[in-house]
Amino acid sequence: MCLIAAVFGLTACNEDNSGSMNIGGDCFVEYLTLNDKYIATIDTEKRLIKVKVPVDFNEKEDMVITSMKISDGAKANIKVGDHLNLRSAQDVIITTGDVVMSYQLSVRNDEAKLNLFILEGIKGAINEEEKTVNVAVTGSSTIDLGNALFEALVSEDAVCLPASGTRADFKQPFILTVRDNTAESKYTVNVTQIQYPVAVFVGNAETVEQLNDEEKAAAKWLTSNIAGSAYISWNEIADNPDVLKECKLIFFHRHTP
């Protein structure tokens, strides 16, 4: 049992060169800094080295390694003082004995971008240039716009305020702020009512959020992919059949025994 444990200890780091036994030590990048101030975030499991720079930084073609530490006894294909063109990702190769470990080094500008906005299951149309989001709901909708649940998907590393998954008042234009360090964007969310949707998902619940998981997923797919679509309950149709006067598609979900 002691021999087996020793062999495992020797080969644990040998993921990129599994055909040989590791006769060296570890092969990690412990830290790395570019231009004296941009400190890397290192994900050893995914072999990723990411350096964030300000939103307006545009000198990626000549960045210098000002500090770097790798595992004792290891060698790297880059060193302190090297100038790198990092407009695209570069491979960083660390070797220790028989072990070869490859990382991907990339530099990303801070980015504050809204990629997806959903209000109570209804996808909003994002205008990135004007920083607006338009959401259409039916005139007969039972959504409480004064306390509506929203979901937002933003660019990597960014956060949105208020946070995604919370409720807010959408009776008036609503400001959603997206931040990532030096980058900040403010989006104005406008909710308009449509009297006659062109496609509907129909269910027993009063709102999308009250549907079961399968129905909710199907309803959100419809409203996220077809402009002018909406969720409507069977009761709404019974009370106001005219809501379907311009509808071209009716979608519903049923379990069969």
Protein backbone atom coordinates (compact mmCIF):
# COMPACT_ATOMS: atom_id res chain seq x y z
CA MET A 1 0.00 0.00 0.00
CA CYS A 2 2.89 2.40 0.71
CA LEU A 3 4.34 1.80 -2.78
CA ILE A 4 0.99 2.57 -4.45
CA ALA A 5 0.62 5.80 -2.49
CA ALA A 6 4.13 6.83 -3.49
CA VAL A 7 3.41 6.25 -7.18
CA PHE A 8 0.20 8.29 -6.95
CA GLY A 9 2.12 11.11 -5.34
CA LEU A 10 4.66 11.11 -8.14
CA THR A 11 2.10 11.18 -10.96
CA ALA A 12 -0.57 13.46 -9.48
CA CYS A 13 0.60 16.53 -11.43
CA ASN A 14 1.26 14.70 -14.67
CA GLU A 15 -2.01 15.50 -16.45
CA ASP A 16 -0.62 17.00 -19.67
CA ASN A 17 2.00 14.28 -20.22
CA SER A 18 0.44 11.09 -18.91
CA GLY A 19 2.77 8.74 -20.79
CA SER A 20 5.71 9.30 -18.48
CA MET A 21 6.37 9.24 -14.77
CA ASN A 22 6.90 12.63 -13.14
CA ILE A 23 10.43 12.66 -11.73
CA GLY A 24 10.22 16.35 -10.76
CA GLY A 25 8.05 18.43 -8.47
CA ASP A 26 5.04 20.69 -8.91
CA CYS A 27 4.43 22.69 -12.08
CA PHE A 28 2.21 25.60 -11.10
CA VAL A 29 2.09 29.31 -11.85
CA GLU A 30 1.72 30.84 -8.40
CA TYR A 31 1.40 34.48 -9.40
CA LEU A 32 1.97 36.76 -12.38
CA THR A 33 1.85 40.53 -12.86
CA LEU A 34 1.89 42.57 -16.07
CA ASN A 35 3.06 46.18 -16.41
CA ASP A 36 3.76 46.39 -12.66
CA LYS A 37 0.08 46.67 -11.75
CA TYR A 38 -2.17 44.16 -13.48
CA ILE A 39 -2.31 41.07 -11.26
CA ALA A 40 -3.43 37.80 -12.79
CA THR A 41 -6.21 35.58 -11.52
CA ILE A 42 -5.03 32.00 -11.86
CA ASP A 43 -7.36 29.01 -12.21
CA THR A 44 -5.04 26.02 -11.90
CA GLU A 45 -7.81 23.47 -12.42
CA LYS A 46 -8.83 24.99 -15.76
CA ARG A 47 -5.25 26.05 -16.64
CA LEU A 48 -6.33 29.66 -17.13
CA ILE A 49 -4.40 32.84 -16.30
CA LYS A 50 -6.61 35.92 -16.70
CA VAL A 51 -5.46 39.52 -16.38
CA LYS A 52 -8.06 42.30 -16.22
CA VAL A 53 -7.22 45.79 -17.51
CA PRO A 54 -9.26 49.04 -17.54
CA VAL A 55 -12.07 49.44 -20.02
CA ASP A 56 -10.08 51.97 -22.08
CA PHE A 57 -6.74 50.11 -22.04
CA ASN A 58 -5.55 49.57 -25.63
CA GLU A 59 -1.89 48.54 -25.38
CA LYS A 60 -2.23 44.77 -25.27
CA GLU A 61 0.23 44.31 -28.12
CA ASP A 62 3.18 45.16 -25.84
CA MET A 63 2.76 44.05 -22.24
CA VAL A 64 5.68 43.20 -20.02
CA ILE A 65 5.92 40.51 -17.35
CA THR A 66 7.06 42.40 -14.24
CA SER A 67 6.71 39.59 -11.69
CA MET A 68 6.07 35.88 -11.87
CA LYS A 69 6.54 32.92 -9.60
CA ILE A 70 6.33 29.27 -10.60
CA SER A 71 6.91 26.10 -8.61
CA ASP A 72 10.42 25.58 -7.26
CA GLY A 73 12.58 23.77 -9.79
CA ALA A 74 10.15 24.36 -12.66
CA LYS A 75 10.90 26.06 -15.98
CA ALA A 76 8.65 28.24 -18.13
CA ASN A 77 8.61 29.40 -21.73
CA ILE A 78 8.23 33.00 -20.48
CA LYS A 79 10.11 34.99 -17.84
CA VAL A 80 10.15 38.31 -16.03
CA GLY A 81 11.09 41.07 -18.46
CA ASP A 82 9.53 39.43 -21.50
CA HIS A 83 7.32 41.60 -23.71
CA LEU A 84 4.20 39.83 -24.97
CA ASN A 85 1.56 40.59 -27.57
CA LEU A 86 -1.62 39.73 -25.69
CA ARG A 87 -4.25 40.91 -28.14
CA SER A 88 -4.94 37.18 -28.34
CA ALA A 89 -4.37 34.45 -25.74
CA GLN A 90 -0.87 32.99 -25.38
CA ASP A 91 0.22 29.58 -24.11
CA VAL A 92 2.34 29.44 -20.98
CA ILE A 93 4.20 26.14 -20.71
CA ILE A 94 5.51 25.00 -17.33
CA THR A 95 7.80 21.95 -17.10
CA THR A 96 9.18 20.08 -14.12
CA GLY A 97 11.02 16.88 -14.87
CA ASP A 98 8.68 14.84 -17.05
CA VAL A 99 5.68 17.00 -16.23
CA VAL A 100 4.39 19.49 -18.81
CA MET A 101 1.53 21.79 -17.84
CA SER A 102 0.05 24.27 -20.32
CA TYR A 103 -1.85 27.38 -19.22
CA GLN A 104 -3.69 29.92 -21.37
CA LEU A 105 -2.80 33.53 -20.60
CA SER A 106 -5.34 36.13 -21.68
CA VAL A 107 -5.92 39.84 -21.06
CA ARG A 108 -9.49 41.13 -20.88
CA ASN A 109 -10.75 44.67 -20.67
CA ASP A 110 -13.31 45.45 -17.99
CA GLU A 111 -16.73 45.11 -19.60
CA ALA A 112 -20.15 46.06 -18.31
CA LYS A 113 -22.66 44.65 -20.77
CA LEU A 114 -26.20 43.35 -20.38
CA ASN A 115 -26.58 40.17 -22.45
CA LEU A 116 -30.07 39.03 -21.43
CA PHE A 117 -33.01 40.50 -19.51
CA ILE A 118 -36.15 38.58 -18.56
CA LEU A 119 -39.09 40.09 -16.67
CA GLU A 120 -41.46 37.52 -15.15
CA GLY A 121 -40.55 35.07 -17.92
CA ILE A 122 -40.73 37.63 -20.74
CA LYS A 123 -37.53 38.40 -22.64
CA GLY A 124 -36.66 42.05 -23.16
CA ALA A 125 -35.25 43.50 -26.38
CA ILE A 126 -31.84 45.06 -25.61
CA ASN A 127 -30.57 48.02 -27.61
CA GLU A 128 -26.88 48.13 -26.71
CA GLU A 129 -26.17 51.41 -28.50
CA GLU A 130 -28.96 53.30 -26.72
CA LYS A 131 -28.64 51.26 -23.50
CA THR A 132 -32.35 50.47 -23.38
CA VAL A 133 -34.41 47.33 -22.75
CA ASN A 134 -37.99 47.09 -24.02
CA VAL A 135 -40.33 44.49 -22.52
CA ALA A 136 -43.82 43.85 -23.91
CA VAL A 137 -46.62 42.40 -21.76
CA THR A 138 -50.25 41.82 -22.64
CA GLY A 139 -52.84 44.36 -21.58
CA SER A 140 -54.64 41.62 -19.65
CA SER A 141 -51.49 40.39 -17.92
CA THR A 142 -51.72 39.78 -14.18
CA ILE A 143 -48.05 40.62 -13.63
CA ASP A 144 -47.66 43.08 -10.76
CA LEU A 145 -45.35 45.59 -12.42
CA GLY A 146 -44.91 47.34 -9.09
CA ASN A 147 -43.18 44.27 -7.67
CA ALA A 148 -42.00 42.20 -10.63
CA LEU A 149 -39.23 39.58 -10.65
CA PHE A 150 -36.41 40.04 -13.15
CA GLU A 151 -33.39 38.04 -14.27
CA ALA A 152 -30.32 39.56 -15.89
CA LEU A 153 -27.32 37.93 -17.55
CA VAL A 154 -24.28 40.21 -17.72
CA SER A 155 -20.75 40.00 -19.10
CA GLU A 156 -18.11 37.90 -17.35
CA ASP A 157 -16.97 39.34 -13.97
CA ALA A 158 -19.65 42.05 -14.04
CA VAL A 159 -22.45 42.51 -11.51
CA CYS A 160 -25.80 44.20 -11.88
CA LEU A 161 -27.56 46.48 -9.42
CA PRO A 162 -30.17 45.67 -8.27
CA ALA A 163 -29.13 42.03 -8.33
CA SER A 164 -30.59 39.53 -10.76
CA GLY A 165 -33.33 37.42 -9.20
CA THR A 166 -34.84 40.26 -7.17
CA ARG A 167 -38.07 42.23 -7.49
CA ALA A 168 -38.46 45.86 -8.48
CA ASP A 169 -40.97 48.50 -9.54
CA PHE A 170 -41.35 48.56 -13.33
CA LYS A 171 -44.38 50.86 -13.51
CA GLN A 172 -41.96 53.63 -14.50
CA PRO A 173 -38.72 53.40 -16.51
CA PHE A 174 -36.34 51.32 -14.43
CA ILE A 175 -32.55 51.84 -14.29
CA LEU A 176 -30.36 48.73 -14.19
CA THR A 177 -26.66 49.35 -13.52
CA VAL A 178 -23.98 46.92 -14.72
CA ARG A 179 -20.45 47.26 -13.28
CA ASP A 180 -17.08 45.61 -13.77
CA ASN A 181 -14.29 47.56 -12.04
CA THR A 182 -13.62 50.54 -14.35
CA ALA A 183 -16.56 49.79 -16.66
CA GLU A 184 -20.13 50.86 -15.92
CA SER A 185 -23.28 50.89 -18.03
CA LYS A 186 -26.76 52.04 -17.11
CA TYR A 187 -29.70 50.48 -18.97
CA THR A 188 -33.21 51.90 -18.94
CA VAL A 189 -35.90 49.20 -18.85
CA ASN A 190 -39.24 50.23 -20.36
CA VAL A 191 -42.32 48.02 -20.08
CA THR A 192 -45.09 48.45 -22.66
CA GLN A 193 -48.40 46.67 -22.92
CA ILE A 194 -49.43 44.87 -26.10
CA GLN A 195 -53.11 44.31 -26.62
CA TYR A 196 -52.86 41.48 -29.12
CA PRO A 197 -49.83 39.14 -28.99
CA VAL A 198 -48.81 37.22 -32.12
CA ALA A 199 -47.95 34.06 -30.17
CA VAL A 200 -48.98 32.83 -26.74
CA PHE A 201 -48.11 30.13 -24.26
CA VAL A 202 -51.28 29.12 -22.39
CA GLY A 203 -51.42 27.54 -18.93
CA ASN A 204 -53.62 27.18 -15.85
CA ALA A 205 -51.50 29.45 -13.63
CA GLU A 206 -52.08 33.17 -13.46
CA THR A 207 -48.39 33.98 -14.08
CA VAL A 208 -45.36 32.24 -15.62
CA GLU A 209 -43.64 31.96 -12.24
CA GLN A 210 -46.55 29.88 -10.90
CA LEU A 211 -46.14 27.19 -13.58
CA ASN A 212 -44.36 23.92 -12.89
CA ASP A 213 -40.71 23.73 -13.95
CA GLU A 214 -41.32 22.10 -17.35
CA GLU A 215 -44.11 24.49 -18.29
CA LYS A 216 -42.12 27.48 -17.05
CA ALA A 217 -39.11 26.50 -19.17
CA ALA A 218 -41.31 26.09 -22.25
CA ALA A 219 -43.09 29.40 -21.68
CA LYS A 220 -39.81 31.27 -21.21
CA TRP A 221 -38.41 29.69 -24.36
CA LEU A 222 -41.40 31.00 -26.34
CA THR A 223 -41.32 34.53 -24.95
CA SER A 224 -37.53 34.67 -25.27
CA ASN A 225 -37.49 33.67 -28.93
CA ILE A 226 -40.61 35.15 -30.55
CA ALA A 227 -41.08 38.92 -30.53
CA GLY A 228 -44.57 40.02 -29.52
CA SER A 229 -45.30 36.75 -27.70
CA ALA A 230 -46.75 36.42 -24.21
CA TYR A 231 -47.96 34.07 -21.51
CA ILE A 232 -51.74 33.97 -21.00
CA SER A 233 -53.83 31.85 -18.66
CA TRP A 234 -56.85 29.86 -19.85
CA ASN A 235 -58.99 32.03 -17.61
CA GLU A 236 -57.78 35.19 -19.38
CA ILE A 237 -58.78 33.71 -22.74
CA ALA A 238 -62.17 32.68 -21.39
CA ASP A 239 -62.77 36.19 -20.05
CA ASN A 240 -61.42 37.98 -23.13
CA PRO A 241 -61.32 35.80 -26.30
CA ASP A 242 -60.43 38.86 -28.40
CA VAL A 243 -56.91 38.74 -26.96
CA LEU A 244 -56.19 36.05 -29.60
CA LYS A 245 -57.49 38.01 -32.60
CA GLU A 246 -53.97 38.51 -34.04
CA CYS A 247 -52.42 35.35 -32.60
CA LYS A 248 -50.70 33.03 -35.10
CA LEU A 249 -49.39 30.42 -32.64
CA ILE A 250 -50.84 28.93 -29.45
CA PHE A 251 -48.50 26.76 -27.43
CA PHE A 252 -49.30 24.72 -24.32
CA HIS A 253 -47.73 21.89 -22.38
CA ARG A 254 -49.52 18.73 -21.28
CA HIS A 255 -48.38 15.54 -19.57
CA THR A 256 -49.77 12.31 -21.03
CA PRO A 257 -50.11 9.13 -18.96
